[in-house]
């Protein structure tokens, strides 16, 4: 049914779709945020439990951030070549 050029019921479907996308992206952001900040929060425990020296832990953290930085280019290329929605669905499955 169409009233004044707008399909009835389409607005709520569009709003639900938008909310689903927002919740998906917010969840992914939260997961990435936790993965990036967790090592800094548990540093004293990691040093004690695994008998590490700070240099070793620093090298591990630098490696993590280096890989993160290097992956920005392929993800940007993928975002321009493929639909961003596909990246939002595929990316989290690779992080697990």
PDB file of N, CA and C in Angstrom:
ATOM      1  N   UNK A   1       0.849  -1.167   0.000  1.00  0.00           N
ATOM      2  CA  UNK A   1       0.000   0.000   0.000  1.00  0.00           C
ATOM      3  C   UNK A   1       0.895   1.231   0.000  1.00  0.00           C
ATOM      4  N   UNK A   2       0.508   2.229  -0.763  1.00  0.00           N
ATOM      5  CA  UNK A   2       1.332   3.430  -0.882  1.00  0.00           C
ATOM      6  C   UNK A   2       0.513   4.652  -0.502  1.00  0.00           C
ATOM      7  N   UNK A   3       1.062   5.443   0.419  1.00  0.00           N
ATOM      8  CA  UNK A   3       0.407   6.671   0.852  1.00  0.00           C
ATOM      9  C   UNK A   3       1.375   7.815   0.634  1.00  0.00           C
ATOM     10  N   UNK A   4       0.962   8.816  -0.123  1.00  0.00           N
ATOM     11  CA  UNK A   4       1.782   9.994  -0.414  1.00  0.00           C
ATOM     12  C   UNK A   4       3.166   9.636  -0.946  1.00  0.00           C
ATOM     13  N   UNK A   5       3.216   8.610  -1.783  1.00  0.00           N
ATOM     14  CA  UNK A   5       4.477   8.248  -2.420  1.00  0.00           C
ATOM     15  C   UNK A   5       5.401   7.402  -1.560  1.00  0.00           C
ATOM     16  N   UNK A   6       4.990   7.026  -0.369  1.00  0.00           N
ATOM     17  CA  UNK A   6       5.827   6.209   0.513  1.00  0.00           C
ATOM     18  C   UNK A   6       5.136   4.882   0.779  1.00  0.00           C
ATOM     19  N   UNK A   7       5.889   3.831   0.751  1.00  0.00           N
ATOM     20  CA  UNK A   7       5.331   2.520   1.042  1.00  0.00           C
ATOM     21  C   UNK A   7       5.131   2.395   2.546  1.00  0.00           C
ATOM     22  N   UNK A   8       3.969   1.955   2.930  1.00  0.00           N
ATOM     23  CA  UNK A   8       3.653   1.783   4.343  1.00  0.00           C
ATOM     24  C   UNK A   8       4.400   0.547   4.852  1.00  0.00           C
ATOM     25  N   UNK A   9       5.049   0.668   5.996  1.00  0.00           N
ATOM     26  CA  UNK A   9       5.776  -0.443   6.578  1.00  0.00           C
ATOM     27  C   UNK A   9       7.242  -0.483   6.189  1.00  0.00           C
ATOM     28  N   UNK A  10       7.630   0.250   5.175  1.00  0.00           N
ATOM     29  CA  UNK A  10       9.026   0.232   4.736  1.00  0.00           C
ATOM     30  C   UNK A  10       9.919   1.009   5.691  1.00  0.00           C
ATOM     31  N   UNK A  11       9.377   2.048   6.320  1.00  0.00           N
ATOM     32  CA  UNK A  11      10.207   2.857   7.210  1.00  0.00           C
ATOM     33  C   UNK A  11      10.662   2.042   8.406  1.00  0.00           C
ATOM     34  N   UNK A  12       9.778   1.255   8.982  1.00  0.00           N
ATOM     35  CA  UNK A  12      10.169   0.460  10.143  1.00  0.00           C
ATOM     36  C   UNK A  12      11.156  -0.632   9.741  1.00  0.00           C
ATOM     37  N   UNK A  13      11.010  -1.188   8.556  1.00  0.00           N
ATOM     38  CA  UNK A  13      11.962  -2.189   8.071  1.00  0.00           C
ATOM     39  C   UNK A  13      13.328  -1.546   7.866  1.00  0.00           C
ATOM     40  N   UNK A  14      13.358  -0.341   7.323  1.00  0.00           N
ATOM     41  CA  UNK A  14      14.611   0.374   7.126  1.00  0.00           C
ATOM     42  C   UNK A  14      15.244   0.722   8.468  1.00  0.00           C
ATOM     43  N   UNK A  15      14.449   1.110   9.429  1.00  0.00           N
ATOM     44  CA  UNK A  15      14.967   1.431  10.756  1.00  0.00           C
ATOM     45  C   UNK A  15      15.543   0.185  11.438  1.00  0.00           C
ATOM     46  N   UNK A  16      14.880  -0.939  11.296  1.00  0.00           N
ATOM     47  CA  UNK A  16      15.391  -2.182  11.885  1.00  0.00           C
ATOM     48  C   UNK A  16      16.707  -2.578  11.235  1.00  0.00           C
ATOM     49  N   UNK A  17      16.781  -2.427   9.918  1.00  0.00           N
ATOM     50  CA  UNK A  17      18.002  -2.744   9.189  1.00  0.00           C
ATOM     51  C   UNK A  17      19.140  -1.832   9.651  1.00  0.00           C
ATOM     52  N   UNK A  18      18.854  -0.550   9.810  1.00  0.00           N
ATOM     53  CA  UNK A  18      19.856   0.396  10.276  1.00  0.00           C
ATOM     54  C   UNK A  18      20.316   0.086  11.690  1.00  0.00           C
ATOM     55  N   UNK A  19      19.383  -0.287  12.549  1.00  0.00           N
ATOM     56  CA  UNK A  19      19.721  -0.643  13.924  1.00  0.00           C
ATOM     57  C   UNK A  19      20.576  -1.906  13.963  1.00  0.00           C
ATOM     58  N   UNK A  20      20.268  -2.871  13.118  1.00  0.00           N
ATOM     59  CA  UNK A  20      21.063  -4.096  13.041  1.00  0.00           C
ATOM     60  C   UNK A  20      22.497  -3.788  12.615  1.00  0.00           C
ATOM     61  N   UNK A  21      22.648  -2.931  11.629  1.00  0.00           N
ATOM     62  CA  UNK A  21      23.987  -2.545  11.172  1.00  0.00           C
ATOM     63  C   UNK A  21      24.725  -1.807  12.287  1.00  0.00           C
ATOM     64  N   UNK A  22      24.053  -0.891  12.960  1.00  0.00           N
ATOM     65  CA  UNK A  22      24.675  -0.148  14.051  1.00  0.00           C
ATOM     66  C   UNK A  22      25.134  -1.085  15.171  1.00  0.00           C
ATOM     67  N   UNK A  23      24.298  -2.013  15.570  1.00  0.00           N
ATOM     68  CA  UNK A  23      24.663  -2.946  16.633  1.00  0.00           C
ATOM     69  C   UNK A  23      25.807  -3.860  16.210  1.00  0.00           C
ATOM     70  N   UNK A  24      25.820  -4.280  14.960  1.00  0.00           N
ATOM     71  CA  UNK A  24      26.905  -5.128  14.461  1.00  0.00           C
ATOM     72  C   UNK A  24      28.227  -4.378  14.488  1.00  0.00           C
ATOM     73  N   UNK A  25      28.231  -3.165  13.960  1.00  0.00           N
ATOM     74  CA  UNK A  25      29.466  -2.375  13.925  1.00  0.00           C
ATOM     75  C   UNK A  25      29.920  -2.020  15.336  1.00  0.00           C
ATOM     76  N   UNK A  26      28.992  -1.685  16.226  1.00  0.00           N
ATOM     77  CA  UNK A  26      29.360  -1.356  17.611  1.00  0.00           C
ATOM     78  C   UNK A  26      29.945  -2.571  18.323  1.00  0.00           C
ATOM     79  N   UNK A  27      29.400  -3.747  18.070  1.00  0.00           N
ATOM     80  CA  UNK A  27      29.940  -4.966  18.675  1.00  0.00           C
ATOM     81  C   UNK A  27      31.342  -5.262  18.179  1.00  0.00           C
ATOM     82  N   UNK A  28      31.557  -5.096  16.892  1.00  0.00           N
ATOM     83  CA  UNK A  28      32.883  -5.325  16.322  1.00  0.00           C
ATOM     84  C   UNK A  28      33.876  -4.316  16.883  1.00  0.00           C
ATOM     85  N   UNK A  29      33.459  -3.060  16.992  1.00  0.00           N
ATOM     86  CA  UNK A  29      34.337  -2.041  17.548  1.00  0.00           C
ATOM     87  C   UNK A  29      34.717  -2.397  18.986  1.00  0.00           C
ATOM     88  N   UNK A  30      33.744  -2.836  19.776  1.00  0.00           N
ATOM     89  CA  UNK A  30      34.022  -3.216  21.156  1.00  0.00           C
ATOM     90  C   UNK A  30      35.000  -4.374  21.237  1.00  0.00           C
ATOM     91  N   UNK A  31      34.843  -5.369  20.371  1.00  0.00           N
ATOM     92  CA  UNK A  31      35.760  -6.503  20.351  1.00  0.00           C
ATOM     93  C   UNK A  31      37.175  -6.062  19.993  1.00  0.00           C
ATOM     94  N   UNK A  32      37.302  -5.233  18.983  1.00  0.00           N
ATOM     95  CA  UNK A  32      38.618  -4.747  18.571  1.00  0.00           C
ATOM     96  C   UNK A  32      39.237  -3.899  19.687  1.00  0.00           C
ATOM     97  N   UNK A  33      38.428  -3.060  20.314  1.00  0.00           N
ATOM     98  CA  UNK A  33      38.929  -2.216  21.400  1.00  0.00           C
ATOM     99  C   UNK A  33      39.474  -3.074  22.545  1.00  0.00           C
ATOM    100  N   UNK A  34      38.743  -4.117  22.910  1.00  0.00           N
ATOM    101  CA  UNK A  34      39.205  -4.991  23.990  1.00  0.00           C
ATOM    102  C   UNK A  34      40.479  -5.723  23.607  1.00  0.00           C
ATOM    103  N   UNK A  35      40.563  -6.176  22.361  1.00  0.00           N
ATOM    104  CA  UNK A  35      41.766  -6.891  21.932  1.00  0.00           C
ATOM    105  C   UNK A  35      42.992  -5.984  21.930  1.00  0.00           C
ATOM    106  N   UNK A  36      42.794  -4.708  21.665  1.00  0.00           N
ATOM    107  CA  UNK A  36      43.925  -3.792  21.618  1.00  0.00           C
ATOM    108  C   UNK A  36      44.325  -3.285  22.996  1.00  0.00           C
ATOM    109  N   UNK A  37      43.400  -3.177  23.923  1.00  0.00           N
ATOM    110  CA  UNK A  37      43.730  -2.612  25.229  1.00  0.00           C
ATOM    111  C   UNK A  37      44.013  -3.665  26.302  1.00  0.00           C
ATOM    112  N   UNK A  38      43.565  -4.877  26.115  1.00  0.00           N
ATOM    113  CA  UNK A  38      43.739  -5.912  27.132  1.00  0.00           C
ATOM    114  C   UNK A  38      45.202  -6.167  27.487  1.00  0.00           C
ATOM    115  N   UNK A  39      46.127  -6.244  26.527  1.00  0.00           N
ATOM    116  CA  UNK A  39      47.523  -6.502  26.921  1.00  0.00           C
ATOM    117  C   UNK A  39      48.082  -5.443  27.870  1.00  0.00           C
ATOM    118  N   UNK A  40      47.719  -4.207  27.705  1.00  0.00           N
ATOM    119  CA  UNK A  40      48.208  -3.162  28.590  1.00  0.00           C
ATOM    120  C   UNK A  40      47.646  -3.270  29.995  1.00  0.00           C
ATOM    121  N   UNK A  41      46.469  -3.836  30.132  1.00  0.00           N
ATOM    122  CA  UNK A  41      45.839  -3.954  31.446  1.00  0.00           C
ATOM    123  C   UNK A  41      46.376  -5.129  32.252  1.00  0.00           C
ATOM    124  N   UNK A  42      46.840  -6.145  31.575  1.00  0.00           N
ATOM    125  CA  UNK A  42      47.279  -7.347  32.279  1.00  0.00           C
ATOM    126  C   UNK A  42      48.798  -7.517  32.264  1.00  0.00           C
ATOM    127  N   UNK A  43      49.525  -6.464  31.925  1.00  0.00           N
ATOM    128  CA  UNK A  43      50.981  -6.557  31.818  1.00  0.00           C
ATOM    129  C   UNK A  43      51.645  -7.098  33.079  1.00  0.00           C
ATOM    130  N   UNK A  44      51.372  -6.563  34.270  1.00  0.00           N
ATOM    131  CA  UNK A  44      52.042  -7.101  35.460  1.00  0.00           C
ATOM    132  C   UNK A  44      51.787  -8.601  35.667  1.00  0.00           C
ATOM    133  N   UNK A  45      50.554  -9.018  35.420  1.00  0.00           N
ATOM    134  CA  UNK A  45      50.223 -10.442  35.583  1.00  0.00           C
ATOM    135  C   UNK A  45      50.938 -11.296  34.539  1.00  0.00           C
ATOM    136  N   UNK A  46      51.019 -10.824  33.295  1.00  0.00           N
ATOM    137  CA  UNK A  46      51.727 -11.570  32.251  1.00  0.00           C
ATOM    138  C   UNK A  46      53.211 -11.713  32.587  1.00  0.00           C
ATOM    139  N   UNK A  47      53.814 -10.633  33.057  1.00  0.00           N
ATOM    140  CA  UNK A  47      55.232 -10.682  33.411  1.00  0.00           C
ATOM    141  C   UNK A  47      55.478 -11.698  34.527  1.00  0.00           C
ATOM    142  N   UNK A  48      54.615 -11.700  35.517  1.00  0.00           N
ATOM    143  CA  UNK A  48      54.787 -12.594  36.652  1.00  0.00           C
ATOM    144  C   UNK A  48      54.489 -14.047  36.290  1.00  0.00           C
ATOM    145  N   UNK A  49      53.354 -14.267  35.633  1.00  0.00           N
ATOM    146  CA  UNK A  49      52.903 -15.641  35.378  1.00  0.00           C
ATOM    147  C   UNK A  49      53.801 -16.376  34.383  1.00  0.00           C
ATOM    148  N   UNK A  50      54.241 -15.693  33.322  1.00  0.00           N
ATOM    149  CA  UNK A  50      55.029 -16.357  32.286  1.00  0.00           C
ATOM    150  C   UNK A  50      56.528 -16.090  32.419  1.00  0.00           C
ATOM    151  N   UNK A  51      56.935 -15.468  33.502  1.00  0.00           N
ATOM    152  CA  UNK A  51      58.348 -15.188  33.773  1.00  0.00           C
ATOM    153  C   UNK A  51      59.002 -14.460  32.588  1.00  0.00           C
ATOM    154  N   UNK A  52      58.336 -13.429  32.120  1.00  0.00           N
ATOM    155  CA  UNK A  52      58.835 -12.637  30.997  1.00  0.00           C
ATOM    156  C   UNK A  52      59.578 -11.411  31.516  1.00  0.00           C
ATOM    157  N   UNK A  53      60.471 -10.927  30.683  1.00  0.00           N
ATOM    158  CA  UNK A  53      61.088  -9.631  30.965  1.00  0.00           C
ATOM    159  C   UNK A  53      60.303  -8.596  30.173  1.00  0.00           C
ATOM    160  N   UNK A  54      60.298  -7.355  30.599  1.00  0.00           N
ATOM    161  CA  UNK A  54      59.522  -6.333  29.893  1.00  0.00           C
ATOM    162  C   UNK A  54      59.878  -6.212  28.403  1.00  0.00           C
ATOM    163  N   UNK A  55      61.115  -6.469  28.028  1.00  0.00           N
ATOM    164  CA  UNK A  55      61.514  -6.365  26.621  1.00  0.00           C
ATOM    165  C   UNK A  55      60.761  -7.368  25.757  1.00  0.00           C
ATOM    166  N   UNK A  56      60.615  -8.581  26.244  1.00  0.00           N
ATOM    167  CA  UNK A  56      59.903  -9.606  25.476  1.00  0.00           C
ATOM    168  C   UNK A  56      58.442  -9.226  25.292  1.00  0.00           C
ATOM    169  N   UNK A  57      57.829  -8.774  26.337  1.00  0.00           N
ATOM    170  CA  UNK A  57      56.428  -8.378  26.252  1.00  0.00           C
ATOM    171  C   UNK A  57      56.256  -7.176  25.324  1.00  0.00           C
ATOM    172  N   UNK A  58      57.219  -6.258  25.364  1.00  0.00           N
ATOM    173  CA  UNK A  58      57.172  -5.096  24.482  1.00  0.00           C
ATOM    174  C   UNK A  58      57.280  -5.522  23.026  1.00  0.00           C
ATOM    175  N   UNK A  59      58.166  -6.454  22.716  1.00  0.00           N
ATOM    176  CA  UNK A  59      58.308  -6.937  21.336  1.00  0.00           C
ATOM    177  C   UNK A  59      57.033  -7.619  20.851  1.00  0.00           C
ATOM    178  N   UNK A  60      56.378  -8.359  21.740  1.00  0.00           N
ATOM    179  CA  UNK A  60      55.113  -9.000  21.363  1.00  0.00           C
ATOM    180  C   UNK A  60      54.045  -7.946  21.060  1.00  0.00           C
ATOM    181  N   UNK A  61      53.985  -6.911  21.883  1.00  0.00           N
ATOM    182  CA  UNK A  61      53.002  -5.848  21.673  1.00  0.00           C
ATOM    183  C   UNK A  61      53.291  -5.069  20.396  1.00  0.00           C
ATOM    184  N   UNK A  62      54.561  -4.772  20.146  1.00  0.00           N
ATOM    185  CA  UNK A  62      54.938  -4.070  18.921  1.00  0.00           C
ATOM    186  C   UNK A  62      54.562  -4.904  17.702  1.00  0.00           C
ATOM    187  N   UNK A  63      54.793  -6.208  17.777  1.00  0.00           N
ATOM    188  CA  UNK A  63      54.407  -7.089  16.673  1.00  0.00           C
ATOM    189  C   UNK A  63      52.915  -7.048  16.405  1.00  0.00           C
ATOM    190  N   UNK A  64      52.128  -7.032  17.473  1.00  0.00           N
ATOM    191  CA  UNK A  64      50.672  -6.967  17.320  1.00  0.00           C
ATOM    192  C   UNK A  64      50.256  -5.667  16.631  1.00  0.00           C
ATOM    193  N   UNK A  65      50.806  -4.545  17.081  1.00  0.00           N
ATOM    194  CA  UNK A  65      50.439  -3.263  16.480  1.00  0.00           C
ATOM    195  C   UNK A  65      50.974  -3.121  15.068  1.00  0.00           C
ATOM    196  N   UNK A  66      52.121  -3.708  14.780  1.00  0.00           N
ATOM    197  CA  UNK A  66      52.671  -3.656  13.422  1.00  0.00           C
ATOM    198  C   UNK A  66      51.771  -4.416  12.446  1.00  0.00           C
ATOM    199  N   UNK A  67      51.346  -5.596  12.854  1.00  0.00           N
ATOM    200  CA  UNK A  67      50.423  -6.365  12.007  1.00  0.00           C
ATOM    201  C   UNK A  67      49.118  -5.602  11.817  1.00  0.00           C
ATOM    202  N   UNK A  68      48.621  -5.002  12.882  1.00  0.00           N
ATOM    203  CA  UNK A  68      47.389  -4.203  12.804  1.00  0.00           C
ATOM    204  C   UNK A  68      47.561  -3.060  11.801  1.00  0.00           C
ATOM    205  N   UNK A  69      48.701  -2.371  11.871  1.00  0.00           N
ATOM    206  CA  UNK A  69      48.950  -1.243  10.960  1.00  0.00           C
ATOM    207  C   UNK A  69      49.098  -1.722   9.518  1.00  0.00           C
ATOM    208  N   UNK A  70      49.799  -2.824   9.318  1.00  0.00           N
ATOM    209  CA  UNK A  70      49.998  -3.329   7.955  1.00  0.00           C
ATOM    210  C   UNK A  70      48.699  -3.833   7.328  1.00  0.00           C
ATOM    211  N   UNK A  71      47.761  -4.283   8.126  1.00  0.00           N
ATOM    212  CA  UNK A  71      46.491  -4.780   7.601  1.00  0.00           C
ATOM    213  C   UNK A  71      45.545  -3.660   7.180  1.00  0.00           C
ATOM    214  N   UNK A  72      45.878  -2.418   7.526  1.00  0.00           N
ATOM    215  CA  UNK A  72      45.011  -1.310   7.141  1.00  0.00           C
ATOM    216  C   UNK A  72      44.925  -1.171   5.615  1.00  0.00           C
ATOM    217  N   UNK A  73      46.049  -1.380   4.934  1.00  0.00           N
ATOM    218  CA  UNK A  73      46.070  -1.220   3.472  1.00  0.00           C
ATOM    219  C   UNK A  73      45.220  -2.292   2.787  1.00  0.00           C
ATOM    220  N   UNK A  74      45.410  -3.589   3.064  1.00  0.00           N
ATOM    221  CA  UNK A  74      44.558  -4.574   2.397  1.00  0.00           C
ATOM    222  C   UNK A  74      43.072  -4.410   2.711  1.00  0.00           C
ATOM    223  N   UNK A  75      42.761  -4.017   3.927  1.00  0.00           N
ATOM    224  CA  UNK A  75      41.351  -3.832   4.285  1.00  0.00           C
ATOM    225  C   UNK A  75      40.766  -2.638   3.527  1.00  0.00           C
ATOM    226  N   UNK A  76      41.550  -1.571   3.383  1.00  0.00           N
ATOM    227  CA  UNK A  76      41.069  -0.407   2.625  1.00  0.00           C
ATOM    228  C   UNK A  76      40.854  -0.764   1.157  1.00  0.00           C
ATOM    229  N   UNK A  77      41.757  -1.534   0.591  1.00  0.00           N
ATOM    230  CA  UNK A  77      41.603  -1.963  -0.809  1.00  0.00           C
ATOM    231  C   UNK A  77      40.370  -2.856  -0.934  1.00  0.00           C
ATOM    232  N   UNK A  78      40.200  -3.773   0.020  1.00  0.00           N
ATOM    233  CA  UNK A  78      39.015  -4.625  -0.002  1.00  0.00           C
ATOM    234  C   UNK A  78      37.730  -3.833   0.149  1.00  0.00           C
ATOM    235  N   UNK A  79      37.785  -2.773   0.938  1.00  0.00           N
ATOM    236  CA  UNK A  79      36.602  -1.940   1.122  1.00  0.00           C
ATOM    237  C   UNK A  79      36.199  -1.188  -0.125  1.00  0.00           C
ATOM    238  N   UNK A  80      37.182  -0.845  -0.952  1.00  0.00           N
ATOM    239  CA  UNK A  80      36.847  -0.158  -2.199  1.00  0.00           C
ATOM    240  C   UNK A  80      36.486  -1.142  -3.308  1.00  0.00           C
ATOM    241  N   UNK A  81      37.032  -2.339  -3.250  1.00  0.00           N
ATOM    242  CA  UNK A  81      36.768  -3.319  -4.308  1.00  0.00           C
ATOM    243  C   UNK A  81      35.463  -4.075  -4.063  1.00  0.00           C
ATOM    244  N   UNK A  82      35.207  -4.423  -2.804  1.00  0.00           N
ATOM    245  CA  UNK A  82      34.012  -5.178  -2.448  1.00  0.00           C
ATOM    246  C   UNK A  82      33.086  -4.294  -1.621  1.00  0.00           C
ATOM    247  N   UNK A  83      31.917  -4.782  -1.356  1.00  0.00           N
ATOM    248  CA  UNK A  83      30.973  -4.003  -0.555  1.00  0.00           C
ATOM    249  C   UNK A  83      31.437  -3.958   0.891  1.00  0.00           C
ATOM    250  N   UNK A  84      31.319  -2.811   1.555  1.00  0.00           N
ATOM    251  CA  UNK A  84      31.713  -2.722   2.968  1.00  0.00           C
ATOM    252  C   UNK A  84      30.933  -3.695   3.864  1.00  0.00           C
ATOM    253  N   UNK A  85      29.696  -3.990   3.497  1.00  0.00           N
ATOM    254  CA  UNK A  85      28.900  -4.919   4.289  1.00  0.00           C
ATOM    255  C   UNK A  85      29.553  -6.296   4.328  1.00  0.00           C
ATOM    256  N   UNK A  86      30.163  -6.693   3.211  1.00  0.00           N
ATOM    257  CA  UNK A  86      30.839  -7.980   3.158  1.00  0.00           C
ATOM    258  C   UNK A  86      32.030  -8.003   4.104  1.00  0.00           C
ATOM    259  N   UNK A  87      32.778  -6.902   4.162  1.00  0.00           N
ATOM    260  CA  UNK A  87      33.913  -6.826   5.071  1.00  0.00           C
ATOM    261  C   UNK A  87      33.476  -6.869   6.528  1.00  0.00           C
ATOM    262  N   UNK A  88      32.336  -6.239   6.827  1.00  0.00           N
ATOM    263  CA  UNK A  88      31.825  -6.242   8.202  1.00  0.00           C
ATOM    264  C   UNK A  88      31.430  -7.660   8.612  1.00  0.00           C
ATOM    265  N   UNK A  89      30.988  -8.477   7.680  1.00  0.00           N
ATOM    266  CA  UNK A  89      30.616  -9.836   8.011  1.00  0.00           C
ATOM    267  C   UNK A  89      31.804 -10.791   8.025  1.00  0.00           C
ATOM    268  N   UNK A  90      32.744 -10.619   7.098  1.00  0.00           N
ATOM    269  CA  UNK A  90      33.884 -11.528   6.991  1.00  0.00           C
ATOM    270  C   UNK A  90      34.948 -11.228   8.030  1.00  0.00           C
ATOM    271  N   UNK A  91      35.221  -9.961   8.302  1.00  0.00           N
ATOM    272  CA  UNK A  91      36.288  -9.567   9.219  1.00  0.00           C
ATOM    273  C   UNK A  91      36.213 -10.192  10.598  1.00  0.00           C
ATOM    274  N   UNK A  92      35.077 -10.090  11.277  1.00  0.00           N
ATOM    275  CA  UNK A  92      34.989 -10.682  12.618  1.00  0.00           C
ATOM    276  C   UNK A  92      35.181 -12.200  12.623  1.00  0.00           C
ATOM    277  N   UNK A  93      34.754 -12.869  11.565  1.00  0.00           N
ATOM    278  CA  UNK A  93      34.923 -14.322  11.529  1.00  0.00           C
ATOM    279  C   UNK A  93      36.409 -14.694  11.438  1.00  0.00           C
ATOM    280  N   UNK A  94      37.227 -13.825  10.875  1.00  0.00           N
ATOM    281  CA  UNK A  94      38.659 -14.087  10.793  1.00  0.00           C
ATOM    282  C   UNK A  94      39.372 -13.785  12.101  1.00  0.00           C
ATOM    283  N   UNK A  95      38.774 -12.959  12.953  1.00  0.00           N
ATOM    284  CA  UNK A  95      39.421 -12.568  14.210  1.00  0.00           C
ATOM    285  C   UNK A  95      39.273 -13.615  15.301  1.00  0.00           C
ATOM    286  N   UNK A  96      38.334 -14.510  15.148  1.00  0.00           N
ATOM    287  CA  UNK A  96      38.050 -15.483  16.219  1.00  0.00           C
ATOM    288  C   UNK A  96      39.081 -16.570  16.265  1.00  0.00           C
TER     289      UNK A  96
END
